[in-house]
Amino acid sequence: MTIQDKLDSLTEYQLKTVIMWTLNDLKFWGATETAAVKDIQIFARMLNEAVEYQITKAINSTIKEEE
């Protein structure tokens, strides 16, 4: 089963939950007080920003389609 197949099999609620778990993990690892290694902290912050950007991009795309 590919990752796409797995994603397709999830409900909307499950997908939202997975995204929130991911964002929470990235915020934890990106926090100054919890990051064990500076490189991990920087990378986690970068990934968190990328995921949040993609969510915003998808929302903006949906809004434009509705107009």
PDB file of N, CA and C in Angstrom:
ATOM      1  N   MET A   1       0.848  -1.176   0.000  1.00  0.00           N
ATOM      2  CA  MET A   1       0.000   0.000   0.000  1.00  0.00           C
ATOM      3  C   MET A   1       0.899   1.248   0.000  1.00  0.00           C
ATOM      4  N   THR A   2       0.688   2.125  -0.956  1.00  0.00           N
ATOM      5  CA  THR A   2       1.490   3.338  -1.051  1.00  0.00           C
ATOM      6  C   THR A   2       1.004   4.367  -0.025  1.00  0.00           C
ATOM      7  N   ILE A   3       1.801   5.405   0.175  1.00  0.00           N
ATOM      8  CA  ILE A   3       1.391   6.466   1.092  1.00  0.00           C
ATOM      9  C   ILE A   3       0.132   7.158   0.576  1.00  0.00           C
ATOM     10  N   GLN A   4      -0.001   7.279  -0.744  1.00  0.00           N
ATOM     11  CA  GLN A   4      -1.219   7.882  -1.313  1.00  0.00           C
ATOM     12  C   GLN A   4      -2.432   7.026  -1.009  1.00  0.00           C
ATOM     13  N   ASP A   5      -2.302   5.705  -1.130  1.00  0.00           N
ATOM     14  CA  ASP A   5      -3.395   4.792  -0.796  1.00  0.00           C
ATOM     15  C   ASP A   5      -3.790   4.946   0.668  1.00  0.00           C
ATOM     16  N   LYS A   6      -2.791   5.054   1.525  1.00  0.00           N
ATOM     17  CA  LYS A   6      -3.064   5.212   2.957  1.00  0.00           C
ATOM     18  C   LYS A   6      -3.806   6.516   3.222  1.00  0.00           C
ATOM     19  N   LEU A   7      -3.341   7.601   2.600  1.00  0.00           N
ATOM     20  CA  LEU A   7      -4.018   8.887   2.784  1.00  0.00           C
ATOM     21  C   LEU A   7      -5.449   8.840   2.258  1.00  0.00           C
ATOM     22  N   ASP A   8      -5.635   8.202   1.119  1.00  0.00           N
ATOM     23  CA  ASP A   8      -6.971   8.091   0.533  1.00  0.00           C
ATOM     24  C   ASP A   8      -7.923   7.295   1.416  1.00  0.00           C
ATOM     25  N   SER A   9      -7.375   6.409   2.233  1.00  0.00           N
ATOM     26  CA  SER A   9      -8.227   5.569   3.081  1.00  0.00           C
ATOM     27  C   SER A   9      -8.648   6.259   4.382  1.00  0.00           C
ATOM     28  N   LEU A  10      -8.048   7.397   4.686  1.00  0.00           N
ATOM     29  CA  LEU A  10      -8.372   8.107   5.925  1.00  0.00           C
ATOM     30  C   LEU A  10      -9.604   8.984   5.760  1.00  0.00           C
ATOM     31  N   THR A  11     -10.336   9.140   6.869  1.00  0.00           N
ATOM     32  CA  THR A  11     -11.470  10.061   6.873  1.00  0.00           C
ATOM     33  C   THR A  11     -10.938  11.492   6.982  1.00  0.00           C
ATOM     34  N   GLU A  12     -11.802  12.453   6.757  1.00  0.00           N
ATOM     35  CA  GLU A  12     -11.405  13.856   6.888  1.00  0.00           C
ATOM     36  C   GLU A  12     -10.921  14.138   8.313  1.00  0.00           C
ATOM     37  N   TYR A  13     -11.621  13.605   9.301  1.00  0.00           N
ATOM     38  CA  TYR A  13     -11.226  13.800  10.697  1.00  0.00           C
ATOM     39  C   TYR A  13      -9.836  13.208  10.957  1.00  0.00           C
ATOM     40  N   GLN A  14      -9.578  12.010  10.437  1.00  0.00           N
ATOM     41  CA  GLN A  14      -8.274  11.371  10.625  1.00  0.00           C
ATOM     42  C   GLN A  14      -7.163  12.190   9.961  1.00  0.00           C
ATOM     43  N   LEU A  15      -7.421  12.711   8.772  1.00  0.00           N
ATOM     44  CA  LEU A  15      -6.434  13.541   8.083  1.00  0.00           C
ATOM     45  C   LEU A  15      -6.107  14.794   8.894  1.00  0.00           C
ATOM     46  N   LYS A  16      -7.144  15.454   9.412  1.00  0.00           N
ATOM     47  CA  LYS A  16      -6.927  16.641  10.238  1.00  0.00           C
ATOM     48  C   LYS A  16      -6.130  16.292  11.490  1.00  0.00           C
ATOM     49  N   THR A  17      -6.425  15.156  12.079  1.00  0.00           N
ATOM     50  CA  THR A  17      -5.706  14.718  13.279  1.00  0.00           C
ATOM     51  C   THR A  17      -4.235  14.477  12.976  1.00  0.00           C
ATOM     52  N   VAL A  18      -3.942  13.824  11.873  1.00  0.00           N
ATOM     53  CA  VAL A  18      -2.554  13.557  11.477  1.00  0.00           C
ATOM     54  C   VAL A  18      -1.808  14.871  11.243  1.00  0.00           C
ATOM     55  N   ILE A  19      -2.455  15.818  10.597  1.00  0.00           N
ATOM     56  CA  ILE A  19      -1.821  17.115  10.350  1.00  0.00           C
ATOM     57  C   ILE A  19      -1.531  17.814  11.673  1.00  0.00           C
ATOM     58  N   MET A  20      -2.475  17.798  12.593  1.00  0.00           N
ATOM     59  CA  MET A  20      -2.252  18.443  13.892  1.00  0.00           C
ATOM     60  C   MET A  20      -1.133  17.751  14.667  1.00  0.00           C
ATOM     61  N   TRP A  21      -1.077  16.423  14.646  1.00  0.00           N
ATOM     62  CA  TRP A  21       0.020  15.693  15.307  1.00  0.00           C
ATOM     63  C   TRP A  21       1.357  16.134  14.717  1.00  0.00           C
ATOM     64  N   THR A  22       1.397  16.240  13.394  1.00  0.00           N
ATOM     65  CA  THR A  22       2.635  16.628  12.713  1.00  0.00           C
ATOM     66  C   THR A  22       3.058  18.039  13.103  1.00  0.00           C
ATOM     67  N   LEU A  23       2.101  18.968  13.073  1.00  0.00           N
ATOM     68  CA  LEU A  23       2.416  20.346  13.449  1.00  0.00           C
ATOM     69  C   LEU A  23       2.861  20.438  14.910  1.00  0.00           C
ATOM     70  N   ASN A  24       2.195  19.704  15.787  1.00  0.00           N
ATOM     71  CA  ASN A  24       2.579  19.713  17.202  1.00  0.00           C
ATOM     72  C   ASN A  24       3.982  19.145  17.401  1.00  0.00           C
ATOM     73  N   ASP A  25       4.302  18.066  16.699  1.00  0.00           N
ATOM     74  CA  ASP A  25       5.651  17.487  16.787  1.00  0.00           C
ATOM     75  C   ASP A  25       6.699  18.481  16.296  1.00  0.00           C
ATOM     76  N   LEU A  26       6.419  19.135  15.178  1.00  0.00           N
ATOM     77  CA  LEU A  26       7.371  20.099  14.628  1.00  0.00           C
ATOM     78  C   LEU A  26       7.555  21.288  15.562  1.00  0.00           C
ATOM     79  N   LYS A  27       6.467  21.763  16.152  1.00  0.00           N
ATOM     80  CA  LYS A  27       6.582  22.881  17.100  1.00  0.00           C
ATOM     81  C   LYS A  27       7.387  22.466  18.328  1.00  0.00           C
ATOM     82  N   PHE A  28       7.183  21.236  18.803  1.00  0.00           N
ATOM     83  CA  PHE A  28       7.935  20.729  19.951  1.00  0.00           C
ATOM     84  C   PHE A  28       9.427  20.695  19.629  1.00  0.00           C
ATOM     85  N   TRP A  29       9.770  20.093  18.505  1.00  0.00           N
ATOM     86  CA  TRP A  29      11.183  19.963  18.140  1.00  0.00           C
ATOM     87  C   TRP A  29      11.799  21.295  17.742  1.00  0.00           C
ATOM     88  N   GLY A  30      10.982  22.256  17.334  1.00  0.00           N
ATOM     89  CA  GLY A  30      11.492  23.561  16.955  1.00  0.00           C
ATOM     90  C   GLY A  30      11.622  24.535  18.115  1.00  0.00           C
ATOM     91  N   ALA A  31      11.044  24.172  19.257  1.00  0.00           N
ATOM     92  CA  ALA A  31      11.089  25.064  20.420  1.00  0.00           C
ATOM     93  C   ALA A  31      12.493  25.115  21.015  1.00  0.00           C
ATOM     94  N   THR A  32      12.903  26.288  21.402  1.00  0.00           N
ATOM     95  CA  THR A  32      14.243  26.492  21.959  1.00  0.00           C
ATOM     96  C   THR A  32      14.480  25.622  23.180  1.00  0.00           C
ATOM     97  N   GLU A  33      13.477  25.520  24.043  1.00  0.00           N
ATOM     98  CA  GLU A  33      13.661  24.784  25.298  1.00  0.00           C
ATOM     99  C   GLU A  33      13.603  23.265  25.147  1.00  0.00           C
ATOM    100  N   THR A  34      13.154  22.753  24.014  1.00  0.00           N
ATOM    101  CA  THR A  34      13.049  21.303  23.850  1.00  0.00           C
ATOM    102  C   THR A  34      13.966  20.725  22.784  1.00  0.00           C
ATOM    103  N   ALA A  35      14.525  21.556  21.961  1.00  0.00           N
ATOM    104  CA  ALA A  35      15.373  21.063  20.867  1.00  0.00           C
ATOM    105  C   ALA A  35      16.717  20.582  21.416  1.00  0.00           C
ATOM    106  N   ALA A  36      17.026  19.335  21.153  1.00  0.00           N
ATOM    107  CA  ALA A  36      18.277  18.761  21.645  1.00  0.00           C
ATOM    108  C   ALA A  36      19.471  19.236  20.825  1.00  0.00           C
ATOM    109  N   VAL A  37      19.264  19.427  19.552  1.00  0.00           N
ATOM    110  CA  VAL A  37      20.344  19.812  18.649  1.00  0.00           C
ATOM    111  C   VAL A  37      19.869  21.008  17.817  1.00  0.00           C
ATOM    112  N   LYS A  38      20.705  22.012  17.706  1.00  0.00           N
ATOM    113  CA  LYS A  38      20.342  23.236  16.981  1.00  0.00           C
ATOM    114  C   LYS A  38      19.899  22.933  15.546  1.00  0.00           C
ATOM    115  N   ASP A  39      20.576  22.012  14.866  1.00  0.00           N
ATOM    116  CA  ASP A  39      20.201  21.675  13.485  1.00  0.00           C
ATOM    117  C   ASP A  39      18.785  21.092  13.416  1.00  0.00           C
ATOM    118  N   ILE A  40      18.427  20.290  14.412  1.00  0.00           N
ATOM    119  CA  ILE A  40      17.075  19.715  14.451  1.00  0.00           C
ATOM    120  C   ILE A  40      16.061  20.829  14.661  1.00  0.00           C
ATOM    121  N   GLN A  41      16.368  21.742  15.547  1.00  0.00           N
ATOM    122  CA  GLN A  41      15.485  22.870  15.824  1.00  0.00           C
ATOM    123  C   GLN A  41      15.231  23.682  14.554  1.00  0.00           C
ATOM    124  N   ILE A  42      16.271  24.012  13.838  1.00  0.00           N
ATOM    125  CA  ILE A  42      16.144  24.798  12.607  1.00  0.00           C
ATOM    126  C   ILE A  42      15.342  24.033  11.558  1.00  0.00           C
ATOM    127  N   PHE A  43      15.646  22.759  11.386  1.00  0.00           N
ATOM    128  CA  PHE A  43      14.951  21.939  10.398  1.00  0.00           C
ATOM    129  C   PHE A  43      13.473  21.787  10.754  1.00  0.00           C
ATOM    130  N   ALA A  44      13.168  21.570  12.038  1.00  0.00           N
ATOM    131  CA  ALA A  44      11.777  21.424  12.477  1.00  0.00           C
ATOM    132  C   ALA A  44      11.002  22.708  12.228  1.00  0.00           C
ATOM    133  N   ARG A  45      11.618  23.847  12.509  1.00  0.00           N
ATOM    134  CA  ARG A  45      10.953  25.121  12.256  1.00  0.00           C
ATOM    135  C   ARG A  45      10.683  25.309  10.765  1.00  0.00           C
ATOM    136  N   MET A  46      11.637  24.927   9.942  1.00  0.00           N
ATOM    137  CA  MET A  46      11.481  25.047   8.502  1.00  0.00           C
ATOM    138  C   MET A  46      10.331  24.160   8.005  1.00  0.00           C
ATOM    139  N   LEU A  47      10.282  22.911   8.475  1.00  0.00           N
ATOM    140  CA  LEU A  47       9.211  22.005   8.062  1.00  0.00           C
ATOM    141  C   LEU A  47       7.854  22.486   8.554  1.00  0.00           C
ATOM    142  N   ASN A  48       7.809  22.990   9.778  1.00  0.00           N
ATOM    143  CA  ASN A  48       6.557  23.522  10.317  1.00  0.00           C
ATOM    144  C   ASN A  48       6.050  24.666   9.443  1.00  0.00           C
ATOM    145  N   GLU A  49       6.938  25.563   9.082  1.00  0.00           N
ATOM    146  CA  GLU A  49       6.570  26.685   8.223  1.00  0.00           C
ATOM    147  C   GLU A  49       6.078  26.178   6.862  1.00  0.00           C
ATOM    148  N   ALA A  50       6.727  25.160   6.323  1.00  0.00           N
ATOM    149  CA  ALA A  50       6.332  24.614   5.022  1.00  0.00           C
ATOM    150  C   ALA A  50       4.939  23.988   5.080  1.00  0.00           C
ATOM    151  N   VAL A  51       4.654  23.239   6.132  1.00  0.00           N
ATOM    152  CA  VAL A  51       3.336  22.600   6.261  1.00  0.00           C
ATOM    153  C   VAL A  51       2.264  23.666   6.419  1.00  0.00           C
ATOM    154  N   GLU A  52       2.507  24.656   7.286  1.00  0.00           N
ATOM    155  CA  GLU A  52       1.531  25.724   7.473  1.00  0.00           C
ATOM    156  C   GLU A  52       1.316  26.507   6.171  1.00  0.00           C
ATOM    157  N   TYR A  53       2.383  26.731   5.417  1.00  0.00           N
ATOM    158  CA  TYR A  53       2.273  27.429   4.140  1.00  0.00           C
ATOM    159  C   TYR A  53       1.392  26.632   3.169  1.00  0.00           C
ATOM    160  N   GLN A  54       1.589  25.327   3.104  1.00  0.00           N
ATOM    161  CA  GLN A  54       0.805  24.496   2.188  1.00  0.00           C
ATOM    162  C   GLN A  54      -0.670  24.490   2.573  1.00  0.00           C
ATOM    163  N   ILE A  55      -0.955  24.507   3.875  1.00  0.00           N
ATOM    164  CA  ILE A  55      -2.350  24.575   4.332  1.00  0.00           C
ATOM    165  C   ILE A  55      -2.968  25.898   3.893  1.00  0.00           C
ATOM    166  N   THR A  56      -2.259  26.996   4.122  1.00  0.00           N
ATOM    167  CA  THR A  56      -2.742  28.320   3.726  1.00  0.00           C
ATOM    168  C   THR A  56      -2.920  28.406   2.220  1.00  0.00           C
ATOM    169  N   LYS A  57      -1.978  27.860   1.485  1.00  0.00           N
ATOM    170  CA  LYS A  57      -2.050  27.853   0.018  1.00  0.00           C
ATOM    171  C   LYS A  57      -3.296  27.101  -0.457  1.00  0.00           C
ATOM    172  N   ALA A  58      -3.591  25.968   0.163  1.00  0.00           N
ATOM    173  CA  ALA A  58      -4.777  25.189  -0.209  1.00  0.00           C
ATOM    174  C   ALA A  58      -6.057  25.957   0.110  1.00  0.00           C
ATOM    175  N   ILE A  59      -6.090  26.638   1.256  1.00  0.00           N
ATOM    176  CA  ILE A  59      -7.260  27.432   1.629  1.00  0.00           C
ATOM    177  C   ILE A  59      -7.459  28.564   0.631  1.00  0.00           C
ATOM    178  N   ASN A  60      -6.388  29.284   0.319  1.00  0.00           N
ATOM    179  CA  ASN A  60      -6.490  30.389  -0.634  1.00  0.00           C
ATOM    180  C   ASN A  60      -6.915  29.921  -2.011  1.00  0.00           C
ATOM    181  N   SER A  61      -6.464  28.760  -2.425  1.00  0.00           N
ATOM    182  CA  SER A  61      -6.850  28.185  -3.711  1.00  0.00           C
ATOM    183  C   SER A  61      -8.342  27.870  -3.729  1.00  0.00           C
ATOM    184  N   THR A  62      -8.837  27.334  -2.630  1.00  0.00           N
ATOM    185  CA  THR A  62     -10.247  27.006  -2.520  1.00  0.00           C
ATOM    186  C   THR A  62     -11.103  28.264  -2.557  1.00  0.00           C
ATOM    187  N   ILE A  63     -10.662  29.312  -1.870  1.00  0.00           N
ATOM    188  CA  ILE A  63     -11.402  30.575  -1.862  1.00  0.00           C
ATOM    189  C   ILE A  63     -11.480  31.160  -3.265  1.00  0.00           C
ATOM    190  N   LYS A  64     -10.364  31.132  -4.001  1.00  0.00           N
ATOM    191  CA  LYS A  64     -10.330  31.673  -5.363  1.00  0.00           C
ATOM    192  C   LYS A  64     -11.272  30.892  -6.293  1.00  0.00           C
ATOM    193  N   GLU A  65     -11.331  29.563  -6.097  1.00  0.00           N
ATOM    194  CA  GLU A  65     -12.201  28.733  -6.935  1.00  0.00           C
ATOM    195  C   GLU A  65     -13.668  29.052  -6.684  1.00  0.00           C
ATOM    196  N   GLU A  66     -13.992  29.423  -5.434  1.00  0.00           N
ATOM    197  CA  GLU A  66     -15.378  29.708  -5.085  1.00  0.00           C
ATOM    198  C   GLU A  66     -15.829  31.072  -5.588  1.00  0.00           C
ATOM    199  N   GLU A  67     -14.892  31.962  -5.883  1.00  0.00           N
ATOM    200  CA  GLU A  67     -15.252  33.316  -6.328  1.00  0.00           C
ATOM    201  C   GLU A  67     -15.660  33.363  -7.768  1.00  0.00           C
TER     202      GLU A  67
END
